[in-house]
Amino acid sequence: MRHVFVRPTLPRSEPELCAPGVRVWPPARHGDLFAPAIRSGDVVVLIDGVYHQAPALRHKEILAALDRGRG
């Protein structure tokens, strides 16, 4: 499964985001990479994230996800 954190950079109707095996998420925020839906071996694509509206995704979360095989 490929998990894509996106909006507003690409519209949800973008053909690559409509492909089978792609799950579209809203912009990444703190804690999103620990979602149970993201499993070891899945691919995570970070395109957009929040910074002022909510706590931002931290680099330590990305490193932790990579250590668990979520990259």
PDB file of N, CA and C in Angstrom:
ATOM      1  N   MET A   1       0.852  -1.174   0.000  1.00  0.00           N
ATOM      2  CA  MET A   1       0.000   0.000   0.000  1.00  0.00           C
ATOM      3  C   MET A   1       0.897   1.236   0.000  1.00  0.00           C
ATOM      4  N   ARG A   2       0.481   2.239  -0.743  1.00  0.00           N
ATOM      5  CA  ARG A   2       1.169   3.528  -0.755  1.00  0.00           C
ATOM      6  C   ARG A   2       0.279   4.555  -0.070  1.00  0.00           C
ATOM      7  N   HIS A   3       0.822   5.260   0.884  1.00  0.00           N
ATOM      8  CA  HIS A   3       0.103   6.280   1.641  1.00  0.00           C
ATOM      9  C   HIS A   3       0.670   7.637   1.245  1.00  0.00           C
ATOM     10  N   VAL A   4      -0.196   8.501   0.720  1.00  0.00           N
ATOM     11  CA  VAL A   4       0.247   9.802   0.225  1.00  0.00           C
ATOM     12  C   VAL A   4      -0.411  10.893   1.059  1.00  0.00           C
ATOM     13  N   PHE A   5       0.407  11.690   1.725  1.00  0.00           N
ATOM     14  CA  PHE A   5      -0.074  12.830   2.504  1.00  0.00           C
ATOM     15  C   PHE A   5       0.009  14.052   1.599  1.00  0.00           C
ATOM     16  N   VAL A   6      -1.149  14.548   1.168  1.00  0.00           N
ATOM     17  CA  VAL A   6      -1.176  15.612   0.166  1.00  0.00           C
ATOM     18  C   VAL A   6      -2.417  16.479   0.311  1.00  0.00           C
ATOM     19  N   ARG A   7      -2.367  17.655  -0.204  1.00  0.00           N
ATOM     20  CA  ARG A   7      -3.373  18.704  -0.317  1.00  0.00           C
ATOM     21  C   ARG A   7      -2.763  19.924   0.294  1.00  0.00           C
ATOM     22  N   PRO A   8      -2.694  20.974  -0.283  1.00  0.00           N
ATOM     23  CA  PRO A   8      -3.335  21.439  -1.501  1.00  0.00           C
ATOM     24  C   PRO A   8      -2.473  21.317  -2.753  1.00  0.00           C
ATOM     25  N   THR A   9      -1.266  20.771  -2.652  1.00  0.00           N
ATOM     26  CA  THR A   9      -0.371  20.727  -3.803  1.00  0.00           C
ATOM     27  C   THR A   9      -0.996  20.009  -4.997  1.00  0.00           C
ATOM     28  N   LEU A  10      -1.618  18.869  -4.757  1.00  0.00           N
ATOM     29  CA  LEU A  10      -2.269  18.116  -5.833  1.00  0.00           C
ATOM     30  C   LEU A  10      -3.741  17.917  -5.491  1.00  0.00           C
ATOM     31  N   PRO A  11      -4.619  18.003  -6.478  1.00  0.00           N
ATOM     32  CA  PRO A  11      -6.027  17.713  -6.212  1.00  0.00           C
ATOM     33  C   PRO A  11      -6.235  16.211  -6.033  1.00  0.00           C
ATOM     34  N   ARG A  12      -7.255  15.853  -5.295  1.00  0.00           N
ATOM     35  CA  ARG A  12      -7.564  14.432  -5.070  1.00  0.00           C
ATOM     36  C   ARG A  12      -7.837  13.699  -6.374  1.00  0.00           C
ATOM     37  N   SER A  13      -8.235  14.423  -7.405  1.00  0.00           N
ATOM     38  CA  SER A  13      -8.565  13.805  -8.691  1.00  0.00           C
ATOM     39  C   SER A  13      -7.331  13.514  -9.542  1.00  0.00           C
ATOM     40  N   GLU A  14      -6.144  13.846  -9.072  1.00  0.00           N
ATOM     41  CA  GLU A  14      -4.903  13.573  -9.809  1.00  0.00           C
ATOM     42  C   GLU A  14      -4.844  12.073 -10.115  1.00  0.00           C
ATOM     43  N   PRO A  15      -4.593  11.692 -11.382  1.00  0.00           N
ATOM     44  CA  PRO A  15      -4.622  10.265 -11.751  1.00  0.00           C
ATOM     45  C   PRO A  15      -3.735   9.369 -10.890  1.00  0.00           C
ATOM     46  N   GLU A  16      -2.548   9.846 -10.509  1.00  0.00           N
ATOM     47  CA  GLU A  16      -1.659   9.012  -9.689  1.00  0.00           C
ATOM     48  C   GLU A  16      -2.256   8.733  -8.311  1.00  0.00           C
ATOM     49  N   LEU A  17      -3.093   9.636  -7.834  1.00  0.00           N
ATOM     50  CA  LEU A  17      -3.704   9.444  -6.518  1.00  0.00           C
ATOM     51  C   LEU A  17      -4.928   8.547  -6.576  1.00  0.00           C
ATOM     52  N   CYS A  18      -5.427   8.273  -7.776  1.00  0.00           N
ATOM     53  CA  CYS A  18      -6.605   7.419  -7.954  1.00  0.00           C
ATOM     54  C   CYS A  18      -6.219   5.978  -8.279  1.00  0.00           C
ATOM     55  N   ALA A  19      -4.932   5.699  -8.354  1.00  0.00           N
ATOM     56  CA  ALA A  19      -4.459   4.363  -8.714  1.00  0.00           C
ATOM     57  C   ALA A  19      -4.785   3.355  -7.611  1.00  0.00           C
ATOM     58  N   PRO A  20      -4.977   2.089  -7.984  1.00  0.00           N
ATOM     59  CA  PRO A  20      -5.201   1.052  -6.966  1.00  0.00           C
ATOM     60  C   PRO A  20      -4.002   0.964  -6.024  1.00  0.00           C
ATOM     61  N   GLY A  21      -4.275   0.728  -4.774  1.00  0.00           N
ATOM     62  CA  GLY A  21      -3.211   0.581  -3.789  1.00  0.00           C
ATOM     63  C   GLY A  21      -2.682   1.887  -3.240  1.00  0.00           C
ATOM     64  N   VAL A  22      -3.342   3.000  -3.560  1.00  0.00           N
ATOM     65  CA  VAL A  22      -2.929   4.309  -3.047  1.00  0.00           C
ATOM     66  C   VAL A  22      -3.991   4.815  -2.086  1.00  0.00           C
ATOM     67  N   ARG A  23      -3.574   5.166  -0.893  1.00  0.00           N
ATOM     68  CA  ARG A  23      -4.479   5.774   0.071  1.00  0.00           C
ATOM     69  C   ARG A  23      -4.051   7.224   0.257  1.00  0.00           C
ATOM     70  N   VAL A  24      -4.987   8.141   0.035  1.00  0.00           N
ATOM     71  CA  VAL A  24      -4.701   9.567   0.141  1.00  0.00           C
ATOM     72  C   VAL A  24      -5.088  10.048   1.537  1.00  0.00           C
ATOM     73  N   TRP A  25      -4.164  10.744   2.171  1.00  0.00           N
ATOM     74  CA  TRP A  25      -4.361  11.305   3.504  1.00  0.00           C
ATOM     75  C   TRP A  25      -4.315  12.828   3.401  1.00  0.00           C
ATOM     76  N   PRO A  26      -4.884  13.510   4.368  1.00  0.00           N
ATOM     77  CA  PRO A  26      -4.721  14.971   4.398  1.00  0.00           C
ATOM     78  C   PRO A  26      -3.264  15.314   4.726  1.00  0.00           C
ATOM     79  N   PRO A  27      -2.890  16.593   4.674  1.00  0.00           N
ATOM     80  CA  PRO A  27      -1.510  16.957   4.988  1.00  0.00           C
ATOM     81  C   PRO A  27      -1.041  16.348   6.314  1.00  0.00           C
ATOM     82  N   ALA A  28       0.196  15.901   6.329  1.00  0.00           N
ATOM     83  CA  ALA A  28       0.747  15.211   7.500  1.00  0.00           C
ATOM     84  C   ALA A  28       0.856  16.158   8.686  1.00  0.00           C
ATOM     85  N   ARG A  29       0.586  15.603   9.852  1.00  0.00           N
ATOM     86  CA  ARG A  29       0.737  16.340  11.102  1.00  0.00           C
ATOM     87  C   ARG A  29       1.359  15.408  12.131  1.00  0.00           C
ATOM     88  N   HIS A  30       1.679  15.951  13.263  1.00  0.00           N
ATOM     89  CA  HIS A  30       2.312  15.189  14.344  1.00  0.00           C
ATOM     90  C   HIS A  30       1.525  13.913  14.641  1.00  0.00           C
ATOM     91  N   GLY A  31       2.201  12.783  14.626  1.00  0.00           N
ATOM     92  CA  GLY A  31       1.603  11.509  14.986  1.00  0.00           C
ATOM     93  C   GLY A  31       1.024  10.715  13.835  1.00  0.00           C
ATOM     94  N   ASP A  32       0.884  11.286  12.661  1.00  0.00           N
ATOM     95  CA  ASP A  32       0.244  10.590  11.541  1.00  0.00           C
ATOM     96  C   ASP A  32       0.993   9.330  11.106  1.00  0.00           C
ATOM     97  N   LEU A  33       2.294   9.317  11.206  1.00  0.00           N
ATOM     98  CA  LEU A  33       3.044   8.143  10.750  1.00  0.00           C
ATOM     99  C   LEU A  33       2.893   6.944  11.679  1.00  0.00           C
ATOM    100  N   PHE A  34       2.236   7.140  12.820  1.00  0.00           N
ATOM    101  CA  PHE A  34       1.984   6.035  13.745  1.00  0.00           C
ATOM    102  C   PHE A  34       0.584   5.456  13.578  1.00  0.00           C
ATOM    103  N   ALA A  35      -0.137   5.871  12.537  1.00  0.00           N
ATOM    104  CA  ALA A  35      -1.490   5.355  12.282  1.00  0.00           C
ATOM    105  C   ALA A  35      -1.432   3.842  12.067  1.00  0.00           C
ATOM    106  N   PRO A  36      -2.357   3.100  12.653  1.00  0.00           N
ATOM    107  CA  PRO A  36      -2.349   1.640  12.490  1.00  0.00           C
ATOM    108  C   PRO A  36      -2.515   1.191  11.034  1.00  0.00           C
ATOM    109  N   ALA A  37      -3.098   2.034  10.195  1.00  0.00           N
ATOM    110  CA  ALA A  37      -3.291   1.670   8.786  1.00  0.00           C
ATOM    111  C   ALA A  37      -1.981   1.614   8.021  1.00  0.00           C
ATOM    112  N   ILE A  38      -0.938   2.276   8.540  1.00  0.00           N
ATOM    113  CA  ILE A  38       0.371   2.261   7.894  1.00  0.00           C
ATOM    114  C   ILE A  38       1.172   1.114   8.501  1.00  0.00           C
ATOM    115  N   ARG A  39       1.437   0.120   7.676  1.00  0.00           N
ATOM    116  CA  ARG A  39       2.096  -1.086   8.172  1.00  0.00           C
ATOM    117  C   ARG A  39       3.527  -1.187   7.667  1.00  0.00           C
ATOM    118  N   SER A  40       4.269  -2.044   8.297  1.00  0.00           N
ATOM    119  CA  SER A  40       5.646  -2.289   7.875  1.00  0.00           C
ATOM    120  C   SER A  40       5.651  -2.725   6.419  1.00  0.00           C
ATOM    121  N   GLY A  41       6.535  -2.146   5.637  1.00  0.00           N
ATOM    122  CA  GLY A  41       6.622  -2.472   4.219  1.00  0.00           C
ATOM    123  C   GLY A  41       5.823  -1.554   3.318  1.00  0.00           C
ATOM    124  N   ASP A  42       4.907  -0.765   3.881  1.00  0.00           N
ATOM    125  CA  ASP A  42       4.160   0.213   3.090  1.00  0.00           C
ATOM    126  C   ASP A  42       5.075   1.368   2.703  1.00  0.00           C
ATOM    127  N   VAL A  43       4.682   2.070   1.672  1.00  0.00           N
ATOM    128  CA  VAL A  43       5.420   3.247   1.212  1.00  0.00           C
ATOM    129  C   VAL A  43       4.658   4.489   1.653  1.00  0.00           C
ATOM    130  N   VAL A  44       5.361   5.428   2.250  1.00  0.00           N
ATOM    131  CA  VAL A  44       4.763   6.692   2.685  1.00  0.00           C
ATOM    132  C   VAL A  44       5.362   7.815   1.855  1.00  0.00           C
ATOM    133  N   VAL A  45       4.487   8.639   1.275  1.00  0.00           N
ATOM    134  CA  VAL A  45       4.920   9.775   0.473  1.00  0.00           C
ATOM    135  C   VAL A  45       4.428  11.038   1.167  1.00  0.00           C
ATOM    136  N   LEU A  46       5.360  11.884   1.572  1.00  0.00           N
ATOM    137  CA  LEU A  46       5.017  13.142   2.227  1.00  0.00           C
ATOM    138  C   LEU A  46       5.156  14.273   1.224  1.00  0.00           C
ATOM    139  N   ILE A  47       4.026  14.838   0.815  1.00  0.00           N
ATOM    140  CA  ILE A  47       4.042  15.960  -0.117  1.00  0.00           C
ATOM    141  C   ILE A  47       3.690  17.241   0.625  1.00  0.00           C
ATOM    142  N   ASP A  48       2.653  17.188   1.438  1.00  0.00           N
ATOM    143  CA  ASP A  48       2.202  18.359   2.178  1.00  0.00           C
ATOM    144  C   ASP A  48       2.098  18.032   3.659  1.00  0.00           C
ATOM    145  N   GLY A  49       2.248  19.067   4.470  1.00  0.00           N
ATOM    146  CA  GLY A  49       2.095  18.929   5.906  1.00  0.00           C
ATOM    147  C   GLY A  49       1.570  20.216   6.503  1.00  0.00           C
ATOM    148  N   VAL A  50       1.076  20.123   7.720  1.00  0.00           N
ATOM    149  CA  VAL A  50       0.598  21.314   8.429  1.00  0.00           C
ATOM    150  C   VAL A  50       1.729  21.836   9.308  1.00  0.00           C
ATOM    151  N   TYR A  51       1.724  23.126   9.542  1.00  0.00           N
ATOM    152  CA  TYR A  51       2.778  23.726  10.348  1.00  0.00           C
ATOM    153  C   TYR A  51       2.234  24.724  11.359  1.00  0.00           C
ATOM    154  N   HIS A  52       1.211  25.449  11.009  1.00  0.00           N
ATOM    155  CA  HIS A  52       0.683  26.462  11.918  1.00  0.00           C
ATOM    156  C   HIS A  52      -0.665  26.058  12.512  1.00  0.00           C
ATOM    157  N   GLN A  53      -1.454  25.279  11.776  1.00  0.00           N
ATOM    158  CA  GLN A  53      -2.803  24.934  12.217  1.00  0.00           C
ATOM    159  C   GLN A  53      -2.816  23.851  13.291  1.00  0.00           C
ATOM    160  N   ALA A  54      -1.790  23.013  13.335  1.00  0.00           N
ATOM    161  CA  ALA A  54      -1.715  21.883  14.269  1.00  0.00           C
ATOM    162  C   ALA A  54      -0.235  21.557  14.468  1.00  0.00           C
ATOM    163  N   PRO A  55       0.095  20.736  15.471  1.00  0.00           N
ATOM    164  CA  PRO A  55       1.501  20.351  15.637  1.00  0.00           C
ATOM    165  C   PRO A  55       2.043  19.665  14.380  1.00  0.00           C
ATOM    166  N   ALA A  56       3.209  20.084  13.939  1.00  0.00           N
ATOM    167  CA  ALA A  56       3.809  19.571  12.701  1.00  0.00           C
ATOM    168  C   ALA A  56       4.447  18.201  12.902  1.00  0.00           C
ATOM    169  N   LEU A  57       4.572  17.479  11.814  1.00  0.00           N
ATOM    170  CA  LEU A  57       5.300  16.221  11.793  1.00  0.00           C
ATOM    171  C   LEU A  57       6.753  16.511  12.131  1.00  0.00           C
ATOM    172  N   ARG A  58       7.336  15.710  12.999  1.00  0.00           N
ATOM    173  CA  ARG A  58       8.716  15.939  13.423  1.00  0.00           C
ATOM    174  C   ARG A  58       9.662  14.966  12.744  1.00  0.00           C
ATOM    175  N   HIS A  59      10.880  15.389  12.582  1.00  0.00           N
ATOM    176  CA  HIS A  59      11.856  14.529  11.922  1.00  0.00           C
ATOM    177  C   HIS A  59      12.066  13.220  12.681  1.00  0.00           C
ATOM    178  N   LYS A  60      11.918  13.241  13.989  1.00  0.00           N
ATOM    179  CA  LYS A  60      12.080  12.015  14.792  1.00  0.00           C
ATOM    180  C   LYS A  60      11.002  10.989  14.447  1.00  0.00           C
ATOM    181  N   GLU A  61       9.802  11.459  14.082  1.00  0.00           N
ATOM    182  CA  GLU A  61       8.734  10.539  13.671  1.00  0.00           C
ATOM    183  C   GLU A  61       9.097   9.846  12.364  1.00  0.00           C
ATOM    184  N   ILE A  62       9.697  10.598  11.446  1.00  0.00           N
ATOM    185  CA  ILE A  62      10.104  10.010  10.178  1.00  0.00           C
ATOM    186  C   ILE A  62      11.203   8.974  10.422  1.00  0.00           C
ATOM    187  N   LEU A  63      12.173   9.299  11.258  1.00  0.00           N
ATOM    188  CA  LEU A  63      13.235   8.340  11.579  1.00  0.00           C
ATOM    189  C   LEU A  63      12.691   7.091  12.261  1.00  0.00           C
ATOM    190  N   ALA A  64      11.747   7.268  13.181  1.00  0.00           N
ATOM    191  CA  ALA A  64      11.140   6.128  13.867  1.00  0.00           C
ATOM    192  C   ALA A  64      10.381   5.246  12.872  1.00  0.00           C
ATOM    193  N   ALA A  65       9.657   5.867  11.932  1.00  0.00           N
ATOM    194  CA  ALA A  65       8.925   5.099  10.934  1.00  0.00           C
ATOM    195  C   ALA A  65       9.889   4.320  10.032  1.00  0.00           C
ATOM    196  N   LEU A  66      11.008   4.937   9.673  1.00  0.00           N
ATOM    197  CA  LEU A  66      12.003   4.243   8.865  1.00  0.00           C
ATOM    198  C   LEU A  66      12.594   3.047   9.627  1.00  0.00           C
ATOM    199  N   ASP A  67      12.807   3.215  10.921  1.00  0.00           N
ATOM    200  CA  ASP A  67      13.331   2.117  11.739  1.00  0.00           C
ATOM    201  C   ASP A  67      12.353   0.948  11.807  1.00  0.00           C
ATOM    202  N   ARG A  68      11.062   1.251  11.729  1.00  0.00           N
ATOM    203  CA  ARG A  68      10.045   0.197  11.765  1.00  0.00           C
ATOM    204  C   ARG A  68       9.755  -0.378  10.391  1.00  0.00           C
ATOM    205  N   GLY A  69      10.447   0.105   9.377  1.00  0.00           N
ATOM    206  CA  GLY A  69      10.204  -0.412   8.026  1.00  0.00           C
ATOM    207  C   GLY A  69       9.072   0.281   7.315  1.00  0.00           C
ATOM    208  N   ARG A  70       8.683   1.465   7.809  1.00  0.00           N
ATOM    209  CA  ARG A  70       7.608   2.225   7.179  1.00  0.00           C
ATOM    210  C   ARG A  70       8.221   3.370   6.400  1.00  0.00           C
ATOM    211  N   GLY A  71       8.781   3.136   5.283  1.00  0.00           N
ATOM    212  CA  GLY A  71       9.403   4.224   4.561  1.00  0.00           C
ATOM    213  C   GLY A  71       9.149   4.110   3.121  1.00  0.00           C
TER     214      GLY A  71
END
